[in-house]
PDB file of N, CA and C in Angstrom:
ATOM      1  N   MET A   1      -0.221  -3.002 -24.755  1.00  0.00           N
ATOM      2  CA  MET A   1      -0.785  -1.786 -23.731  1.00  0.00           C
ATOM      3  C   MET A   1      -0.752  -2.454 -22.290  1.00  0.00           C
ATOM      4  N   GLU A   2      -0.093  -1.250 -21.983  1.00  0.00           N
ATOM      5  CA  GLU A   2      -0.242  -1.607 -20.294  1.00  0.00           C
ATOM      6  C   GLU A   2      -1.073  -1.451 -19.380  1.00  0.00           C
ATOM      7  N   GLU A   3      -1.223  -2.144 -18.599  1.00  0.00           N
ATOM      8  CA  GLU A   3      -2.527  -2.299 -17.678  1.00  0.00           C
ATOM      9  C   GLU A   3      -2.319  -1.369 -16.583  1.00  0.00           C
ATOM     10  N   GLU A   4      -3.289  -0.784 -15.754  1.00  0.00           N
ATOM     11  CA  GLU A   4      -3.276   0.221 -14.603  1.00  0.00           C
ATOM     12  C   GLU A   4      -3.216  -0.747 -13.474  1.00  0.00           C
ATOM     13  N   TRP A   5      -2.202  -0.528 -12.395  1.00  0.00           N
ATOM     14  CA  TRP A   5      -2.181  -0.877 -11.333  1.00  0.00           C
ATOM     15  C   TRP A   5      -3.218  -0.563 -10.348  1.00  0.00           C
ATOM     16  N   VAL A   6      -3.156  -1.622  -9.164  1.00  0.00           N
ATOM     17  CA  VAL A   6      -4.337  -1.216  -8.242  1.00  0.00           C
ATOM     18  C   VAL A   6      -3.904  -0.615  -6.856  1.00  0.00           C
ATOM     19  N   LEU A   7      -4.181   0.299  -6.473  1.00  0.00           N
ATOM     20  CA  LEU A   7      -3.579   0.954  -5.033  1.00  0.00           C
ATOM     21  C   LEU A   7      -4.174   0.081  -4.252  1.00  0.00           C
ATOM     22  N   VAL A   8      -3.383  -0.577  -3.161  1.00  0.00           N
ATOM     23  CA  VAL A   8      -3.942  -1.502  -2.188  1.00  0.00           C
ATOM     24  C   VAL A   8      -3.618  -1.109  -0.807  1.00  0.00           C
ATOM     25  N   HIS A   9      -2.915   0.001  -0.674  1.00  0.00           N
ATOM     26  CA  HIS A   9      -2.397   0.463   0.698  1.00  0.00           C
ATOM     27  C   HIS A   9      -1.718   1.882   0.716  1.00  0.00           C
ATOM     28  N   ILE A  10      -2.066   2.489   1.707  1.00  0.00           N
ATOM     29  CA  ILE A  10      -1.337   3.906   1.882  1.00  0.00           C
ATOM     30  C   ILE A  10      -0.507   3.638   3.269  1.00  0.00           C
ATOM     31  N   ALA A  11       0.563   3.788   3.269  1.00  0.00           N
ATOM     32  CA  ALA A  11       1.326   3.457   4.520  1.00  0.00           C
ATOM     33  C   ALA A  11       1.910   5.110   4.983  1.00  0.00           C
ATOM     34  N   LYS A  12       1.491   5.314   6.172  1.00  0.00           N
ATOM     35  CA  LYS A  12       1.429   6.502   6.755  1.00  0.00           C
ATOM     36  C   LYS A  12       3.004   6.708   7.449  1.00  0.00           C
ATOM     37  N   ARG A  13       3.459   5.504   7.668  1.00  0.00           N
ATOM     38  CA  ARG A  13       4.970   5.759   8.437  1.00  0.00           C
ATOM     39  C   ARG A  13       5.719   4.901   7.825  1.00  0.00           C
ATOM     40  N   LEU A  14       7.040   5.207   7.984  1.00  0.00           N
ATOM     41  CA  LEU A  14       8.485   4.579   7.246  1.00  0.00           C
ATOM     42  C   LEU A  14       8.375   3.160   7.821  1.00  0.00           C
ATOM     43  N   LYS A  15       8.088   3.016   9.167  1.00  0.00           N
ATOM     44  CA  LYS A  15       8.181   1.818   9.783  1.00  0.00           C
ATOM     45  C   LYS A  15       7.452   0.698   8.816  1.00  0.00           C
ATOM     46  N   GLU A  16       6.119   1.150   8.980  1.00  0.00           N
ATOM     47  CA  GLU A  16       4.953   0.453   8.363  1.00  0.00           C
ATOM     48  C   GLU A  16       5.191   0.107   6.787  1.00  0.00           C
ATOM     49  N   ALA A  17       5.699   0.969   6.176  1.00  0.00           N
ATOM     50  CA  ALA A  17       6.238   1.092   4.707  1.00  0.00           C
ATOM     51  C   ALA A  17       7.144  -0.129   4.481  1.00  0.00           C
ATOM     52  N   LEU A  18       8.211  -0.103   5.293  1.00  0.00           N
ATOM     53  CA  LEU A  18       9.393  -1.142   5.040  1.00  0.00           C
ATOM     54  C   LEU A  18       8.895  -2.617   5.302  1.00  0.00           C
ATOM     55  N   ALA A  19       7.824  -2.526   6.441  1.00  0.00           N
ATOM     56  CA  ALA A  19       7.349  -3.730   6.875  1.00  0.00           C
ATOM     57  C   ALA A  19       6.413  -4.290   5.647  1.00  0.00           C
ATOM     58  N   ILE A  20       5.633  -3.432   4.969  1.00  0.00           N
ATOM     59  CA  ILE A  20       4.979  -4.227   3.950  1.00  0.00           C
ATOM     60  C   ILE A  20       5.950  -4.638   2.869  1.00  0.00           C
ATOM     61  N   GLU A  21       6.689  -3.607   2.593  1.00  0.00           N
ATOM     62  CA  GLU A  21       7.744  -4.026   1.448  1.00  0.00           C
ATOM     63  C   GLU A  21       8.173  -5.447   1.725  1.00  0.00           C
ATOM     64  N   ASP A  22       8.767  -5.664   2.907  1.00  0.00           N
ATOM     65  CA  ASP A  22       9.326  -6.940   3.491  1.00  0.00           C
ATOM     66  C   ASP A  22       8.303  -8.012   3.318  1.00  0.00           C
ATOM     67  N   LEU A  23       6.971  -7.843   3.258  1.00  0.00           N
ATOM     68  CA  LEU A  23       6.168  -8.600   3.497  1.00  0.00           C
ATOM     69  C   LEU A  23       5.706  -9.161   1.992  1.00  0.00           C
ATOM     70  N   PHE A  24       5.717  -8.220   1.051  1.00  0.00           N
ATOM     71  CA  PHE A  24       5.387  -8.376  -0.196  1.00  0.00           C
ATOM     72  C   PHE A  24       6.711  -9.248  -0.982  1.00  0.00           C
ATOM     73  N   LYS A  25       7.896  -8.899  -0.433  1.00  0.00           N
ATOM     74  CA  LYS A  25       9.141  -9.364  -1.196  1.00  0.00           C
ATOM     75  C   LYS A  25       9.090 -10.817  -0.789  1.00  0.00           C
ATOM     76  N   LYS A  26       8.837 -11.020   0.356  1.00  0.00           N
ATOM     77  CA  LYS A  26       8.947 -12.679   0.900  1.00  0.00           C
ATOM     78  C   LYS A  26       8.024 -13.369  -0.062  1.00  0.00           C
ATOM     79  N   SER A  27       6.660 -12.795   0.035  1.00  0.00           N
ATOM     80  CA  SER A  27       5.643 -13.666  -0.627  1.00  0.00           C
ATOM     81  C   SER A  27       6.002 -13.613  -2.068  1.00  0.00           C
ATOM     82  N   GLY A  28       6.896 -12.791  -2.802  1.00  0.00           N
ATOM     83  CA  GLY A  28       7.137 -12.931  -4.196  1.00  0.00           C
ATOM     84  C   GLY A  28       6.241 -12.106  -4.955  1.00  0.00           C
ATOM     85  N   LEU A  29       5.587 -11.305  -4.430  1.00  0.00           N
ATOM     86  CA  LEU A  29       4.656 -10.342  -5.295  1.00  0.00           C
ATOM     87  C   LEU A  29       5.070  -9.245  -5.474  1.00  0.00           C
ATOM     88  N   GLU A  30       4.656  -9.150  -7.137  1.00  0.00           N
ATOM     89  CA  GLU A  30       5.484  -7.734  -7.746  1.00  0.00           C
ATOM     90  C   GLU A  30       4.557  -6.757  -7.258  1.00  0.00           C
ATOM     91  N   TYR A  31       5.288  -5.458  -6.943  1.00  0.00           N
ATOM     92  CA  TYR A  31       4.534  -4.314  -6.564  1.00  0.00           C
ATOM     93  C   TYR A  31       5.213  -3.202  -7.069  1.00  0.00           C
ATOM     94  N   VAL A  32       4.718  -1.898  -6.996  1.00  0.00           N
ATOM     95  CA  VAL A  32       5.322  -0.516  -7.026  1.00  0.00           C
ATOM     96  C   VAL A  32       4.766   0.255  -5.684  1.00  0.00           C
ATOM     97  N   VAL A  33       5.669   0.950  -5.285  1.00  0.00           N
ATOM     98  CA  VAL A  33       5.713   1.682  -4.213  1.00  0.00           C
ATOM     99  C   VAL A  33       6.289   3.114  -4.576  1.00  0.00           C
ATOM    100  N   GLU A  34       5.002   4.397  -4.312  1.00  0.00           N
ATOM    101  CA  GLU A  34       5.491   5.648  -4.791  1.00  0.00           C
ATOM    102  C   GLU A  34       5.221   6.721  -3.517  1.00  0.00           C
ATOM    103  N   PRO A  35       5.997   7.598  -3.447  1.00  0.00           N
ATOM    104  CA  PRO A  35       5.344   8.720  -2.399  1.00  0.00           C
ATOM    105  C   PRO A  35       4.670   9.328  -3.002  1.00  0.00           C
ATOM    106  N   ASP A  36       3.427   9.638  -2.386  1.00  0.00           N
ATOM    107  CA  ASP A  36       2.443  10.582  -2.853  1.00  0.00           C
ATOM    108  C   ASP A  36       1.823  11.289  -1.405  1.00  0.00           C
ATOM    109  N   THR A  37       1.014  12.200  -1.649  1.00  0.00           N
ATOM    110  CA  THR A  37       0.382  13.203  -0.617  1.00  0.00           C
ATOM    111  C   THR A  37      -1.358  12.595  -0.329  1.00  0.00           C
ATOM    112  N   TYR A  38      -1.614  12.552   0.889  1.00  0.00           N
ATOM    113  CA  TYR A  38      -2.954  12.351   1.191  1.00  0.00           C
ATOM    114  C   TYR A  38      -3.183  13.390   2.422  1.00  0.00           C
ATOM    115  N   VAL A  39      -4.660  13.375   2.640  1.00  0.00           N
ATOM    116  CA  VAL A  39      -4.963  14.344   3.681  1.00  0.00           C
ATOM    117  C   VAL A  39      -5.359  13.633   4.782  1.00  0.00           C
ATOM    118  N   GLY A  40      -4.768  14.339   5.921  1.00  0.00           N
ATOM    119  CA  GLY A  40      -5.041  13.282   7.276  1.00  0.00           C
ATOM    120  C   GLY A  40      -5.374  14.307   8.482  1.00  0.00           C
ATOM    121  N   GLY A  41      -5.611  13.778   9.499  1.00  0.00           N
ATOM    122  CA  GLY A  41      -6.204  14.541  10.736  1.00  0.00           C
ATOM    123  C   GLY A  41      -7.628  14.656  10.842  1.00  0.00           C
ATOM    124  N   ILE A  42      -8.130  14.606  11.922  1.00  0.00           N
ATOM    125  CA  ILE A  42      -9.575  14.877  12.324  1.00  0.00           C
ATOM    126  C   ILE A  42      -9.791  16.459  12.387  1.00  0.00           C
ATOM    127  N   ILE A  43      -9.114  16.944  13.529  1.00  0.00           N
ATOM    128  CA  ILE A  43      -9.328  18.618  13.497  1.00  0.00           C
ATOM    129  C   ILE A  43      -8.572  19.449  12.757  1.00  0.00           C
ATOM    130  N   PHE A  44      -7.546  19.347  12.863  1.00  0.00           N
ATOM    131  CA  PHE A  44      -6.552  19.840  12.044  1.00  0.00           C
ATOM    132  C   PHE A  44      -6.112  19.271  10.487  1.00  0.00           C
ATOM    133  N   ARG A  45      -7.084  19.442   9.589  1.00  0.00           N
ATOM    134  CA  ARG A  45      -6.421  18.526   8.469  1.00  0.00           C
ATOM    135  C   ARG A  45      -5.138  19.157   7.674  1.00  0.00           C
ATOM    136  N   THR A  46      -4.668  18.371   7.241  1.00  0.00           N
ATOM    137  CA  THR A  46      -3.088  18.421   6.816  1.00  0.00           C
ATOM    138  C   THR A  46      -2.660  17.608   5.748  1.00  0.00           C
ATOM    139  N   GLU A  47      -1.696  18.096   4.683  1.00  0.00           N
ATOM    140  CA  GLU A  47      -1.525  17.346   3.554  1.00  0.00           C
ATOM    141  C   GLU A  47      -0.259  16.732   4.212  1.00  0.00           C
ATOM    142  N   ARG A  48      -0.456  15.627   4.072  1.00  0.00           N
ATOM    143  CA  ARG A  48       1.019  14.662   4.500  1.00  0.00           C
ATOM    144  C   ARG A  48       1.506  13.549   3.336  1.00  0.00           C
ATOM    145  N   THR A  49       2.680  13.206   3.491  1.00  0.00           N
ATOM    146  CA  THR A  49       3.282  12.319   2.525  1.00  0.00           C
ATOM    147  C   THR A  49       3.340  10.685   2.832  1.00  0.00           C
ATOM    148  N   GLY A  50       3.001   9.832   2.188  1.00  0.00           N
ATOM    149  CA  GLY A  50       2.534   8.527   2.127  1.00  0.00           C
ATOM    150  C   GLY A  50       3.548   7.817   1.284  1.00  0.00           C
ATOM    151  N   ALA A  51       3.297   6.227   1.828  1.00  0.00           N
ATOM    152  CA  ALA A  51       3.846   5.115   0.640  1.00  0.00           C
ATOM    153  C   ALA A  51       2.688   4.685  -0.130  1.00  0.00           C
ATOM    154  N   PHE A  52       2.469   4.857  -1.447  1.00  0.00           N
ATOM    155  CA  PHE A  52       1.352   4.174  -2.165  1.00  0.00           C
ATOM    156  C   PHE A  52       1.687   3.046  -2.602  1.00  0.00           C
ATOM    157  N   PHE A  53       1.303   1.904  -2.182  1.00  0.00           N
ATOM    158  CA  PHE A  53       1.367   0.437  -2.765  1.00  0.00           C
ATOM    159  C   PHE A  53       0.626  -0.160  -4.162  1.00  0.00           C
ATOM    160  N   TYR A  54       0.983  -0.245  -4.913  1.00  0.00           N
ATOM    161  CA  TYR A  54       0.328  -0.874  -6.009  1.00  0.00           C
ATOM    162  C   TYR A  54       0.478  -1.988  -6.600  1.00  0.00           C
ATOM    163  N   VAL A  55      -0.259  -2.869  -6.896  1.00  0.00           N
ATOM    164  CA  VAL A  55      -0.082  -4.265  -7.457  1.00  0.00           C
ATOM    165  C   VAL A  55      -0.942  -4.347  -8.655  1.00  0.00           C
ATOM    166  N   ALA A  56      -0.450  -5.329  -9.693  1.00  0.00           N
ATOM    167  CA  ALA A  56      -1.203  -5.552 -10.859  1.00  0.00           C
ATOM    168  C   ALA A  56      -2.778  -6.015 -10.411  1.00  0.00           C
ATOM    169  N   PRO A  57      -3.698  -5.837 -11.214  1.00  0.00           N
ATOM    170  CA  PRO A  57      -4.871  -6.429 -10.827  1.00  0.00           C
ATOM    171  C   PRO A  57      -5.045  -7.814 -10.717  1.00  0.00           C
ATOM    172  N   GLU A  58      -4.094  -8.549 -11.317  1.00  0.00           N
ATOM    173  CA  GLU A  58      -4.688  -9.978 -11.138  1.00  0.00           C
ATOM    174  C   GLU A  58      -3.964 -10.286  -9.767  1.00  0.00           C
ATOM    175  N   ASN A  59      -3.240  -9.433  -9.020  1.00  0.00           N
ATOM    176  CA  ASN A  59      -2.603  -9.727  -7.701  1.00  0.00           C
ATOM    177  C   ASN A  59      -3.241  -9.238  -6.682  1.00  0.00           C
ATOM    178  N   GLN A  60      -4.184  -8.248  -7.003  1.00  0.00           N
ATOM    179  CA  GLN A  60      -4.794  -7.650  -5.924  1.00  0.00           C
ATOM    180  C   GLN A  60      -5.477  -8.496  -4.955  1.00  0.00           C
ATOM    181  N   ILE A  61      -6.183  -9.336  -4.832  1.00  0.00           N
ATOM    182  CA  ILE A  61      -6.849 -10.325  -3.981  1.00  0.00           C
ATOM    183  C   ILE A  61      -5.753 -10.873  -2.928  1.00  0.00           C
ATOM    184  N   THR A  62      -4.589 -11.522  -3.616  1.00  0.00           N
ATOM    185  CA  THR A  62      -3.583 -11.819  -2.861  1.00  0.00           C
ATOM    186  C   THR A  62      -3.054 -10.661  -1.992  1.00  0.00           C
ATOM    187  N   ALA A  63      -2.784  -9.924  -2.496  1.00  0.00           N
ATOM    188  CA  ALA A  63      -1.833  -8.600  -1.867  1.00  0.00           C
ATOM    189  C   ALA A  63      -2.782  -8.144  -0.664  1.00  0.00           C
ATOM    190  N   ARG A  64      -4.259  -8.141  -0.852  1.00  0.00           N
ATOM    191  CA  ARG A  64      -5.154  -7.561   0.139  1.00  0.00           C
ATOM    192  C   ARG A  64      -5.033  -8.818   1.268  1.00  0.00           C
ATOM    193  N   ALA A  65      -5.080  -9.967   1.024  1.00  0.00           N
ATOM    194  CA  ALA A  65      -5.046 -11.233   1.796  1.00  0.00           C
ATOM    195  C   ALA A  65      -3.659 -10.829   2.696  1.00  0.00           C
ATOM    196  N   LEU A  66      -2.578 -10.780   2.023  1.00  0.00           N
ATOM    197  CA  LEU A  66      -1.407 -10.683   2.993  1.00  0.00           C
ATOM    198  C   LEU A  66      -1.612  -9.438   3.907  1.00  0.00           C
ATOM    199  N   LEU A  67      -2.091  -8.123   3.507  1.00  0.00           N
ATOM    200  CA  LEU A  67      -2.016  -7.063   4.221  1.00  0.00           C
ATOM    201  C   LEU A  67      -2.874  -7.420   5.449  1.00  0.00           C
ATOM    202  N   THR A  68      -4.129  -8.055   4.950  1.00  0.00           N
ATOM    203  CA  THR A  68      -5.004  -7.989   5.938  1.00  0.00           C
ATOM    204  C   THR A  68      -4.643  -9.498   7.187  1.00  0.00           C
ATOM    205  N   SER A  69      -4.042 -10.496   6.809  1.00  0.00           N
ATOM    206  CA  SER A  69      -3.212 -11.238   7.646  1.00  0.00           C
ATOM    207  C   SER A  69      -2.243 -10.628   8.279  1.00  0.00           C
ATOM    208  N   ALA A  70      -1.444  -9.764   8.141  1.00  0.00           N
ATOM    209  CA  ALA A  70      -0.523  -9.026   8.518  1.00  0.00           C
ATOM    210  C   ALA A  70      -0.974  -7.891   9.460  1.00  0.00           C
ATOM    211  N   HIS A  71      -2.460  -7.947   9.611  1.00  0.00           N
ATOM    212  CA  HIS A  71      -2.959  -6.578  10.455  1.00  0.00           C
ATOM    213  C   HIS A  71      -2.711  -5.352  10.088  1.00  0.00           C
ATOM    214  N   TYR A  72      -2.702  -5.133   8.721  1.00  0.00           N
ATOM    215  CA  TYR A  72      -2.979  -4.051   7.811  1.00  0.00           C
ATOM    216  C   TYR A  72      -4.088  -3.761   7.324  1.00  0.00           C
ATOM    217  N   THR A  73      -4.367  -2.577   7.130  1.00  0.00           N
ATOM    218  CA  THR A  73      -5.920  -2.178   6.367  1.00  0.00           C
ATOM    219  C   THR A  73      -5.596  -2.035   4.927  1.00  0.00           C
ATOM    220  N   ALA A  74      -6.565  -2.951   4.165  1.00  0.00           N
ATOM    221  CA  ALA A  74      -6.266  -3.219   2.683  1.00  0.00           C
ATOM    222  C   ALA A  74      -7.417  -2.350   2.033  1.00  0.00           C
ATOM    223  N   LEU A  75      -6.763  -1.333   1.121  1.00  0.00           N
ATOM    224  CA  LEU A  75      -7.931  -0.685   0.430  1.00  0.00           C
ATOM    225  C   LEU A  75      -8.646  -1.486  -0.711  1.00  0.00           C
ATOM    226  N   SER A  76     -10.112  -1.191  -0.779  1.00  0.00           N
ATOM    227  CA  SER A  76     -10.715  -1.825  -1.593  1.00  0.00           C
ATOM    228  C   SER A  76     -11.248  -1.177  -2.736  1.00  0.00           C
TER     229      SER A  76
END
């Protein structure tokens, strides 16, 4: 049975997504990144595309710590 991976971050810009990929690769963390849509904006809410980063459940604490140490917001 395949386990469900955990969403740990949504990168809103390409530069951010590439930096997080580099961070995860250098740490040897196994991850999956997929494009998906999210709703953004305060006054004019629009649907936007971002890079959604997923990790295996047993790696979510490590991934969140890496994101936080690199000054990114980790989803809980």
